[in-house]
Protein backbone atom coordinates (compact mmCIF):
# COMPACT_ATOMS: atom_id res chain seq x y z
CA MET A 1 -0.05 0.04 0.13
CA LEU A 2 1.28 3.30 -0.86
CA ASN A 3 -1.00 6.45 0.76
CA ASN A 4 -3.84 3.83 0.81
CA LYS A 5 -3.33 3.17 -2.77
CA VAL A 6 -2.91 -0.53 -4.02
CA VAL A 7 0.41 -1.30 -5.17
CA LYS A 8 1.78 -4.34 -7.63
CA MET A 9 5.54 -4.76 -6.74
CA ASP A 10 6.55 -5.26 -10.31
CA CYS A 11 4.47 -3.39 -12.39
CA LEU A 12 6.08 -0.96 -14.33
CA PHE A 13 3.56 1.55 -13.38
CA CYS A 14 3.80 0.67 -10.14
CA LYS A 15 7.12 1.96 -9.86
CA ILE A 16 6.66 5.16 -11.44
CA VAL A 17 3.99 5.91 -8.91
CA LYS A 18 6.26 4.86 -5.94
CA GLY A 19 9.06 7.34 -7.26
CA GLU A 20 11.21 4.02 -7.89
CA MET A 21 11.58 4.63 -11.58
CA PRO A 22 11.65 8.25 -13.43
CA ALA A 23 9.15 9.48 -15.68
CA LYS A 24 8.37 12.88 -17.01
CA LYS A 25 5.02 13.71 -15.11
CA VAL A 26 2.78 16.00 -16.31
CA TYR A 27 0.36 15.82 -13.98
CA GLU A 28 0.03 14.06 -10.69
CA ASP A 29 -2.83 13.94 -7.81
CA ASP A 30 -3.88 11.60 -5.17
CA SER A 31 -5.38 9.13 -7.22
CA VAL A 32 -3.73 10.03 -10.61
CA ILE A 33 -0.57 10.40 -13.14
CA ALA A 34 -0.24 11.04 -16.02
CA PHE A 35 3.14 11.21 -17.98
CA LEU A 36 4.91 11.53 -21.56
CA ASP A 37 5.18 8.34 -23.16
CA ILE A 38 8.73 7.02 -23.52
CA ASN A 39 8.07 5.53 -26.74
CA PRO A 40 5.25 8.04 -28.37
CA ALA A 41 3.79 7.58 -31.60
CA ASN A 42 3.83 11.63 -31.76
CA PRO A 43 5.74 14.34 -29.64
CA GLY A 44 3.52 15.02 -26.61
CA HIS A 45 2.02 11.57 -26.37
CA THR A 46 0.94 11.48 -22.80
CA LEU A 47 -0.29 8.15 -20.58
CA VAL A 48 -2.56 8.71 -17.87
CA VAL A 49 -2.46 6.29 -15.42
CA PRO A 50 -4.80 5.47 -12.05
CA LYS A 51 -1.98 5.02 -9.02
CA LYS A 52 -4.32 2.25 -7.71
CA HIS A 53 -2.94 -0.75 -9.46
CA THR A 54 -5.68 -2.50 -11.54
CA GLU A 55 -4.89 -4.40 -14.59
CA THR A 56 -8.07 -3.96 -17.03
CA ILE A 57 -10.93 -1.96 -17.20
CA ALA A 58 -13.49 -4.60 -16.05
CA ASP A 59 -11.59 -4.91 -12.65
CA ILE A 60 -11.04 -0.36 -12.01
CA GLU A 61 -13.72 0.96 -9.38
CA ASP A 62 -16.09 2.83 -10.92
CA SER A 63 -15.10 5.85 -8.76
CA ASP A 64 -11.44 5.69 -9.93
CA LEU A 65 -12.12 5.10 -13.46
CA GLU A 66 -14.29 8.76 -13.28
CA LYS A 67 -10.88 10.32 -11.80
CA VAL A 68 -9.06 8.82 -14.25
CA ILE A 69 -11.26 10.02 -17.32
CA VAL A 70 -11.89 13.70 -16.14
CA VAL A 71 -7.86 13.58 -16.39
CA VAL A 72 -7.92 12.41 -19.82
CA LYS A 73 -10.11 14.94 -20.91
CA ASN A 74 -8.08 18.00 -18.93
CA ILE A 75 -4.69 16.68 -20.87
CA ALA A 76 -6.58 16.57 -24.11
CA LYS A 77 -7.76 20.05 -23.59
CA LYS A 78 -4.11 20.92 -22.52
CA LEU A 79 -2.39 19.29 -25.70
CA LYS A 80 -5.19 20.56 -28.37
CA ASP A 81 -4.27 24.26 -26.76
CA GLU A 82 -0.69 23.85 -26.18
CA LEU A 83 0.30 21.49 -28.84
CA ASP A 84 -2.16 23.04 -31.76
CA THR A 85 -3.08 19.85 -32.51
CA ALA A 86 -5.19 18.92 -35.76
CA GLY A 87 -6.84 16.12 -33.70
CA LEU A 88 -6.63 13.66 -30.96
CA ASN A 89 -6.79 9.39 -30.10
CA ILE A 90 -7.65 8.10 -27.10
CA VAL A 91 -6.66 4.32 -26.68
CA GLN A 92 -6.94 2.24 -23.82
CA ASN A 93 -6.02 -0.95 -24.66
CA ASN A 94 -7.24 -4.36 -22.68
CA GLY A 95 -4.99 -7.53 -22.28
CA LYS A 96 -1.98 -8.67 -24.38
CA LEU A 97 -4.04 -9.63 -27.51
CA ALA A 98 -5.60 -6.04 -27.55
CA GLY A 99 -1.94 -4.54 -27.56
CA GLN A 100 -1.75 -4.02 -23.50
CA LEU A 101 1.67 -4.04 -23.07
CA VAL A 102 2.04 -2.86 -19.11
CA SER A 103 -0.48 -5.01 -17.42
CA HIS A 104 -2.22 -1.50 -15.30
CA ILE A 105 -4.95 0.32 -17.09
CA HIS A 106 -4.01 3.30 -18.76
CA PHE A 107 -5.27 5.69 -21.40
CA HIS A 108 -2.92 6.79 -24.06
CA VAL A 109 -3.56 10.48 -25.14
CA ILE A 110 -2.17 10.88 -28.91
CA PRO A 111 -2.20 14.35 -30.28
CA ARG A 112 -2.40 13.95 -34.06
CA PHE A 113 -0.87 16.72 -36.14
CA ALA A 114 -1.49 17.10 -40.56
CA GLY A 115 0.69 14.51 -42.25
CA ASP A 116 1.89 12.59 -38.95
CA GLN A 117 2.69 8.84 -39.63
CA VAL A 118 0.86 7.43 -36.55
CA ILE A 119 -1.84 4.54 -37.83
CA ILE A 120 -4.67 3.73 -35.74
CA THR A 121 -7.09 0.97 -37.37
CA TYR A 122 -8.62 -2.64 -37.90
CA GLN A 123 -10.23 -4.02 -40.39
CA ARG A 124 -14.11 -3.80 -40.57
CA ALA A 125 -16.05 -6.97 -40.09
CA GLN A 126 -19.15 -7.98 -41.87
CA VAL A 127 -21.59 -9.59 -38.90
CA ASP A 128 -24.52 -11.29 -39.79
CA GLU A 129 -28.02 -9.89 -38.33
CA ASN A 130 -28.79 -12.49 -36.77
CA LYS A 131 -25.23 -12.92 -34.89
CA MET A 132 -25.38 -9.29 -34.23
CA GLU A 133 -29.32 -9.93 -32.20
CA GLU A 134 -27.79 -12.35 -30.52
CA ILE A 135 -25.03 -10.12 -29.39
CA ARG A 136 -27.09 -7.22 -28.88
CA LYS A 137 -29.81 -9.25 -26.21
CA LYS A 138 -26.55 -10.96 -24.53
CA LEU A 139 -24.86 -7.72 -24.24
CA THR A 140 -28.83 -6.49 -22.81
CA GLU A 141 -29.25 -9.35 -20.23
CA GLU A 142 -25.77 -8.73 -18.88
CA ALA A 143 -25.42 -5.56 -18.77
CA ALA A 144 -25.57 -3.55 -15.60
CA PRO A 145 -28.11 -1.17 -15.26
CA ALA A 146 -27.00 2.87 -15.52
CA PRO A 147 -26.44 4.50 -11.95
CA LYS A 148 -29.62 6.20 -11.28
CA ASP A 149 -27.68 9.74 -11.13
CA LEU A 150 -26.40 9.39 -14.96
CA ASP A 151 -28.67 10.52 -17.80
CA LEU A 152 -27.88 8.31 -21.11
CA ASP A 153 -29.06 9.03 -24.09
CA PHE A 154 -27.71 6.72 -26.40
């Protein structure tokens, strides 16, 4: 534990949180840290990380995720304002198969510039209408109801 935060001893991001590894910090509070990626897709590529060790988005407490996403938003705005970006990508990978290299939930905030060489893409799949309906039903049945204080209009 570090200030009531769970840390994992062999986790790279936990080591940054504890000050055992250097990082070019751009933001820090009691719950969240943000620092420049050492292998950036573009200059200004920032990682936003909860201090409490959690591996994936399915595992993080809602209250912790809320704090992280507010910092993601603020970093995105700061990048847009200070680096005059043409756009930005916010990427969050879960599991090795999805490209998660560090098993500690984090968000990539990647500034985009005209003519940059960043490629974030995937093959578009065609899914049978019956399969789509089957998936929709599964998600509808298994999805937890939205908290009553949130007004989600999809």
